[in-house]
Amino acid sequence: MTADRLAAVVILIAAVQYVVTARTYHGLTVADVVGPSAYPYIIGGLMALMAVLLFVQSKPRPLGGTFWSRHGKPILLAASLYVYIRLLEPLGFLFSTFLYVSFGHLWLGESSRSRALGLSAGVTLALWLLFNCVFDLSLPAGFLGWPR
């Protein structure tokens, strides 16, 4: 079994456990069909779907290079999540998410800076609209105090 397939199995197990745990969470109101408990189902379902796709699409490939040359970028990108979380409150959702997604695109090899910035702006706006307008969640405004 390749490392990708092993990772897919681990992710699938985590996704199933995540959805099972999410079933125990109940919102404050019963009348709200798509309430706060719907979000964990969406995330767990997408996580399981991506794990299955990873398992199906992974193929054995020859290993070459050192551990850091093969896995350095993804590990550092995952570690940068900590920095993103720490900057979320002081910088605000819009600014910190835009910076994080831009950094991620460029770090993982996007050749065009304008495309990376455009995609980052689109992803940030879509996430803000989803969480702020659809789910009606207050996202951190940061030092700008906008949007509220």
Protein backbone atom coordinates (compact mmCIF):
# COMPACT_ATOMS: atom_id res chain seq x y z
CA MET A 1 0.00 0.00 0.00
CA THR A 2 1.39 3.39 -0.98
CA ALA A 3 1.74 6.27 1.45
CA ASP A 4 -1.06 8.14 -0.36
CA ARG A 5 -3.44 5.22 0.03
CA LEU A 6 -2.51 4.81 3.68
CA ALA A 7 -3.13 8.53 4.21
CA ALA A 8 -6.49 8.18 2.43
CA VAL A 9 -7.54 5.38 4.78
CA VAL A 10 -6.50 7.41 7.84
CA ILE A 11 -8.36 10.49 6.54
CA LEU A 12 -11.46 8.41 5.81
CA ILE A 13 -11.43 6.98 9.34
CA ALA A 14 -11.04 10.50 10.75
CA ALA A 15 -13.91 11.75 8.56
CA VAL A 16 -16.23 8.99 9.72
CA GLN A 17 -15.31 9.67 13.35
CA TYR A 18 -15.85 13.40 12.75
CA VAL A 19 -19.36 12.84 11.37
CA VAL A 20 -20.23 10.41 14.16
CA THR A 21 -19.10 12.97 16.73
CA ALA A 22 -20.99 15.73 14.89
CA ARG A 23 -24.21 13.76 15.30
CA THR A 24 -24.01 14.36 19.04
CA TYR A 25 -24.01 18.14 18.55
CA HIS A 26 -27.41 19.78 18.53
CA GLY A 27 -28.09 23.43 17.97
CA LEU A 28 -30.01 25.60 20.37
CA THR A 29 -33.18 25.53 18.30
CA VAL A 30 -34.91 22.53 16.83
CA ALA A 31 -36.83 24.53 14.20
CA ASP A 32 -33.69 25.48 12.25
CA VAL A 33 -33.16 22.72 9.67
CA VAL A 34 -29.78 24.02 8.47
CA GLY A 35 -28.34 25.13 11.75
CA PRO A 36 -24.88 25.00 13.27
CA SER A 37 -24.89 21.21 13.22
CA ALA A 38 -25.05 21.14 9.40
CA TYR A 39 -21.54 22.52 8.95
CA PRO A 40 -19.73 19.52 10.50
CA TYR A 41 -21.72 17.20 8.23
CA ILE A 42 -20.62 19.16 5.17
CA ILE A 43 -16.97 19.16 6.24
CA GLY A 44 -16.99 15.46 7.20
CA GLY A 45 -18.70 14.47 3.97
CA LEU A 46 -16.25 16.45 1.84
CA MET A 47 -13.35 15.02 3.80
CA ALA A 48 -14.59 11.47 3.22
CA LEU A 49 -15.17 12.15 -0.48
CA MET A 50 -11.65 13.54 -0.90
CA ALA A 51 -10.18 10.54 0.95
CA VAL A 52 -11.97 8.13 -1.39
CA LEU A 53 -10.76 10.10 -4.43
CA LEU A 54 -7.20 10.08 -3.09
CA PHE A 55 -7.37 6.33 -2.56
CA VAL A 56 -8.67 5.70 -6.08
CA GLN A 57 -6.28 8.06 -7.86
CA SER A 58 -3.07 7.24 -6.03
CA LYS A 59 -0.51 5.20 -7.89
CA PRO A 60 2.82 3.83 -6.72
CA ARG A 61 5.71 6.05 -7.73
CA PRO A 62 9.40 5.71 -7.15
CA LEU A 63 10.75 7.50 -4.11
CA GLY A 64 13.55 9.94 -4.72
CA GLY A 65 15.25 12.61 -2.70
CA THR A 66 15.18 13.29 0.99
CA PHE A 67 12.15 13.44 3.25
CA TRP A 68 12.16 17.26 3.23
CA SER A 69 12.51 17.50 -0.54
CA ARG A 70 9.42 15.30 -0.94
CA HIS A 71 7.28 16.55 1.96
CA GLY A 72 8.72 19.90 3.02
CA LYS A 73 6.26 22.19 1.25
CA PRO A 74 3.07 20.48 2.44
CA ILE A 75 4.38 20.22 6.01
CA LEU A 76 5.31 23.90 6.11
CA LEU A 77 1.97 24.86 4.57
CA ALA A 78 0.16 22.88 7.27
CA ALA A 79 2.33 24.52 9.94
CA SER A 80 1.40 27.90 8.50
CA LEU A 81 -2.18 27.16 9.57
CA TYR A 82 -1.04 27.97 13.10
CA VAL A 83 0.17 31.38 11.94
CA TYR A 84 -3.14 31.93 10.13
CA ILE A 85 -5.13 31.09 13.27
CA ARG A 86 -2.98 33.43 15.37
CA LEU A 87 -3.47 36.30 12.87
CA LEU A 88 -7.19 35.75 12.37
CA GLU A 89 -8.30 37.95 15.29
CA PRO A 90 -5.85 40.86 14.95
CA LEU A 91 -5.97 41.11 11.14
CA GLY A 92 -9.55 40.04 10.58
CA PHE A 93 -11.07 37.27 8.50
CA LEU A 94 -10.90 38.97 5.11
CA PHE A 95 -7.30 40.14 5.29
CA SER A 96 -5.79 37.08 6.98
CA THR A 97 -7.68 34.60 4.78
CA PHE A 98 -6.65 36.46 1.64
CA LEU A 99 -3.01 36.40 2.77
CA TYR A 100 -3.13 32.72 3.72
CA VAL A 101 -4.76 31.54 0.50
CA SER A 102 -2.41 33.72 -1.60
CA PHE A 103 0.59 32.34 0.28
CA GLY A 104 -0.69 28.80 -0.21
CA HIS A 105 -1.17 29.19 -3.95
CA LEU A 106 2.27 30.70 -4.46
CA TRP A 107 4.01 28.28 -2.06
CA LEU A 108 2.56 25.20 -3.76
CA GLY A 109 3.68 26.34 -7.20
CA GLU A 110 1.20 28.72 -8.82
CA SER A 111 3.23 30.36 -11.57
CA SER A 112 1.08 33.45 -12.10
CA ARG A 113 0.90 35.92 -9.22
CA SER A 114 -2.12 37.65 -10.68
CA ARG A 115 -3.97 34.33 -10.92
CA ALA A 116 -3.03 33.46 -7.34
CA LEU A 117 -4.25 36.84 -6.09
CA GLY A 118 -7.46 36.59 -8.13
CA LEU A 119 -8.21 33.08 -6.88
CA SER A 120 -7.43 34.15 -3.33
CA ALA A 121 -9.79 37.11 -3.58
CA GLY A 122 -12.52 34.87 -4.98
CA VAL A 123 -12.08 32.18 -2.34
CA THR A 124 -11.98 34.76 0.46
CA LEU A 125 -15.11 36.49 -0.80
CA ALA A 126 -16.96 33.18 -1.27
CA LEU A 127 -16.06 32.02 2.25
CA TRP A 128 -17.06 35.37 3.74
CA LEU A 129 -20.40 35.29 1.92
CA LEU A 130 -21.01 31.70 3.03
CA PHE A 131 -20.20 32.22 6.69
CA ASN A 132 -21.39 35.78 7.14
CA CYS A 133 -24.47 35.91 4.91
CA VAL A 134 -25.68 32.30 4.67
CA PHE A 135 -24.72 30.95 8.11
CA ASP A 136 -25.01 34.39 9.78
CA LEU A 137 -21.78 33.98 11.77
CA SER A 138 -19.79 36.93 13.07
CA LEU A 139 -16.31 36.73 11.62
CA PRO A 140 -13.40 38.67 13.14
CA ALA A 141 -13.21 42.19 11.70
CA GLY A 142 -9.63 42.84 12.79
CA PHE A 143 -7.87 46.17 13.02
CA LEU A 144 -9.90 47.69 10.17
CA GLY A 145 -13.19 47.07 11.95
CA TRP A 146 -14.77 46.15 8.63
CA PRO A 147 -17.01 44.38 7.76
CA ARG A 148 -19.32 44.17 10.74
